[in-house]
Protein backbone atom coordinates (compact mmCIF):
# COMPACT_ATOMS: atom_id res chain seq x y z
CA MET A 1 56.78 30.80 54.84
CA ILE A 2 57.64 29.59 58.34
CA ALA A 3 56.82 26.03 59.38
CA PRO A 4 54.59 25.86 62.46
CA ASP A 5 57.44 24.37 64.46
CA GLY A 6 59.54 27.46 63.69
CA LEU A 7 57.67 29.73 66.11
CA PRO A 8 58.36 29.95 69.86
CA TRP A 9 55.10 28.36 71.03
CA GLY A 10 54.38 29.07 74.66
CA ARG A 11 55.50 32.71 74.26
CA LEU A 12 52.65 33.77 71.96
CA ARG A 13 49.89 34.34 74.52
CA GLN A 14 47.11 36.82 73.84
CA PRO A 15 47.72 39.94 75.96
CA ASP A 16 44.13 40.36 77.19
CA GLN A 17 40.78 38.56 77.33
CA LEU A 18 39.51 40.14 74.10
CA SER A 19 42.34 39.64 71.62
CA CYS A 20 42.25 35.93 70.70
CA GLY A 21 41.16 36.72 67.13
CA ALA A 22 43.88 39.32 66.69
CA ALA A 23 46.49 36.98 68.20
CA SER A 24 45.40 34.27 65.75
CA LEU A 25 45.66 36.76 62.89
CA VAL A 26 49.17 37.88 63.93
CA VAL A 27 50.31 34.24 64.14
CA ALA A 28 48.81 33.51 60.70
CA ARG A 29 50.72 36.49 59.32
CA MET A 30 53.91 35.32 61.06
CA LEU A 31 53.56 31.90 59.45
CA ALA A 32 53.09 33.51 56.03
CA ASP A 33 55.88 36.09 56.25
CA GLU A 34 59.23 35.38 57.91
CA VAL A 35 60.32 39.04 57.83
CA TYR A 36 57.10 40.09 59.60
CA ALA A 37 57.58 37.29 62.15
CA GLU A 38 61.11 38.41 63.01
CA ARG A 39 59.98 42.02 63.32
CA VAL A 40 56.97 41.43 65.59
CA LEU A 41 58.16 38.54 67.74
CA PRO A 42 59.94 40.75 70.31
CA ARG A 43 56.78 42.88 70.68
CA PHE A 44 54.11 40.26 70.09
CA ALA A 45 51.66 41.63 72.68
CA ASP A 46 51.89 45.18 71.32
CA GLU A 47 51.35 43.91 67.76
CA VAL A 48 48.28 41.92 68.82
CA LEU A 49 46.70 44.90 70.57
CA ALA A 50 47.41 47.24 67.62
CA THR A 51 46.06 44.63 65.19
CA HIS A 52 42.91 44.24 67.27
CA ARG A 53 42.27 47.97 67.20
CA ASP A 54 42.89 48.14 63.44
CA VAL A 55 40.90 45.06 62.48
CA VAL A 56 37.69 45.45 64.48
CA GLY A 57 36.99 48.98 63.21
CA TRP A 58 33.50 50.12 64.23
CA TRP A 59 32.73 46.81 65.99
CA PRO A 60 32.73 47.09 69.82
CA ARG A 61 36.16 45.85 70.91
CA ALA A 62 34.61 44.21 73.99
CA LEU A 63 32.89 41.69 71.69
CA GLY A 64 36.18 40.40 70.30
CA THR A 65 37.07 39.99 66.64
CA PRO A 66 34.12 39.33 64.31
CA PRO A 67 34.60 36.68 61.61
CA TRP A 68 34.16 39.15 58.75
CA ALA A 69 37.13 41.14 60.05
CA LEU A 70 39.35 38.07 60.05
CA LEU A 71 38.09 37.11 56.59
CA ARG A 72 39.31 40.46 55.26
CA HIS A 73 42.71 40.31 56.95
CA LEU A 74 43.90 36.69 56.96
CA PRO A 75 46.70 36.05 54.45
CA GLY A 76 45.25 34.50 51.28
CA HIS A 77 41.58 34.00 50.46
CA HIS A 78 39.31 32.36 53.02
CA ARG A 79 35.67 31.40 53.18
CA LEU A 80 33.41 31.07 56.23
CA VAL A 81 32.04 27.60 56.96
CA THR A 82 29.37 27.17 59.64
CA ARG A 83 29.46 24.20 62.02
CA PRO A 84 32.66 22.95 60.36
CA SER A 85 33.20 19.21 60.21
CA PHE A 86 36.41 17.72 61.51
CA ASP A 87 37.36 16.50 58.02
CA ARG A 88 36.64 19.86 56.39
CA VAL A 89 39.04 21.64 58.72
CA LEU A 90 41.59 18.82 58.49
CA SER A 91 41.72 19.01 54.69
CA ALA A 92 41.69 22.84 54.69
CA ALA A 93 44.66 22.94 57.10
CA ALA A 94 46.77 21.35 54.36
CA ARG A 95 46.24 24.57 52.33
CA GLY A 96 47.03 26.99 55.15
CA PRO A 97 45.98 28.14 58.62
CA VAL A 98 42.30 27.82 59.52
CA ALA A 99 40.75 30.20 62.07
CA VAL A 100 38.09 28.40 64.13
CA TYR A 101 35.57 30.17 66.34
CA VAL A 102 34.78 28.01 69.36
CA GLY A 103 32.31 28.51 72.15
CA ASN A 104 29.64 26.86 74.22
CA ARG A 105 26.23 25.67 72.99
CA LEU A 106 24.88 29.24 73.02
CA LEU A 107 27.50 31.35 71.26
CA PRO A 108 31.09 31.56 69.98
CA ARG A 109 33.54 33.15 72.42
CA HIS A 110 37.12 32.28 71.41
CA VAL A 111 39.23 32.09 68.24
CA VAL A 112 41.93 29.47 67.71
CA LEU A 113 44.10 28.81 64.67
CA VAL A 114 44.64 25.38 63.14
CA VAL A 115 48.24 25.66 61.96
CA ALA A 116 48.80 22.12 60.69
CA ALA A 117 47.14 18.78 60.10
CA ALA A 118 48.57 15.72 61.81
CA PRO A 119 47.31 12.20 61.04
CA GLU A 120 43.67 12.36 62.15
CA ALA A 121 44.24 15.48 64.27
CA TRP A 122 44.32 19.25 64.10
CA VAL A 123 47.41 21.03 65.45
CA VAL A 124 45.94 24.19 66.96
CA TYR A 125 47.43 27.43 68.23
CA ASP A 126 45.39 28.46 71.28
CA PRO A 127 46.02 32.15 72.03
CA ALA A 128 44.85 31.74 75.64
CA ARG A 129 47.72 29.30 76.24
CA GLY A 130 50.12 30.80 73.76
CA GLY A 131 50.96 27.33 72.54
CA LEU A 132 49.82 24.33 70.56
CA VAL A 133 47.06 21.84 71.33
CA THR A 134 46.09 18.71 69.42
CA VAL A 135 42.41 18.08 68.64
CA ASP A 136 41.38 14.64 67.46
CA ARG A 137 38.21 13.48 65.74
CA GLU A 138 36.56 12.23 68.92
CA GLN A 139 37.00 15.56 70.71
CA HIS A 140 35.38 17.36 67.79
CA THR A 141 32.40 15.05 67.31
CA GLU A 142 31.72 14.85 71.03
CA ASP A 143 31.88 18.65 71.39
CA ARG A 144 34.76 18.24 73.81
CA LEU A 145 37.27 20.65 72.32
CA PRO A 146 40.11 21.37 74.79
CA PHE A 147 39.72 25.15 75.06
CA GLY A 148 38.47 25.64 78.60
CA ARG A 149 34.75 26.35 78.63
CA TRP A 150 34.72 26.62 74.85
CA HIS A 151 34.11 23.13 73.54
CA ARG A 152 32.10 23.53 70.33
CA ALA A 153 33.26 24.67 66.87
CA TRP A 154 30.92 27.34 65.47
CA TRP A 155 32.67 28.69 62.37
CA ALA A 156 35.84 28.04 60.45
CA LEU A 157 37.58 30.42 58.05
CA VAL A 158 39.05 27.98 55.55
CA PRO A 159 41.60 28.84 52.86
CA GLN A 160 40.34 28.43 49.31
C-alpha cells in the first residue's frame, strides 16, 4: 500500500470533463497496489479513460460514473451513505479511501476521493485539480466544499 504522500499530486488530473469518478478509482487502486501505481503513472490519462469505458458499462458515459459502478470496482468492500456527515467520512477515511459525490443543491456532478484523515479535516484528491485539498468541518456543514461549483456532499462510498 502506498501512503497518500507517495503519489505525485498535481500530475493526476482527470483527462476530460467526464472522468472524475474513473480518476478517483484509478487513484484508489494506485494507493492500494504499488505495482499497479508504478505501471499506470506514466500513462495516467490513458488508464483513466480506459477505466471509465470499462466501469460505466451500459450507463451513458456523458453522465459520468454512477455510484454503483464505483461500489463494484473500488478496492475492498464499500457501502453507499447518503448525505454523509463530516464525522462519518472522517472516521471511514481511517479505514481506506472514501469516494464522495459532490454537487450543487440539485444534483451530484463530481467525484472526489478522501485519501486521508487529518485532525478535524479530510485530505481530498480532487481529480479536476489533480492534487490534494483539505476540507474542514465548517466547510462541510456550511455546504461550502472547495470544489468549484460543487459545494455539497451527496453520497459517500465508505469502506466497511
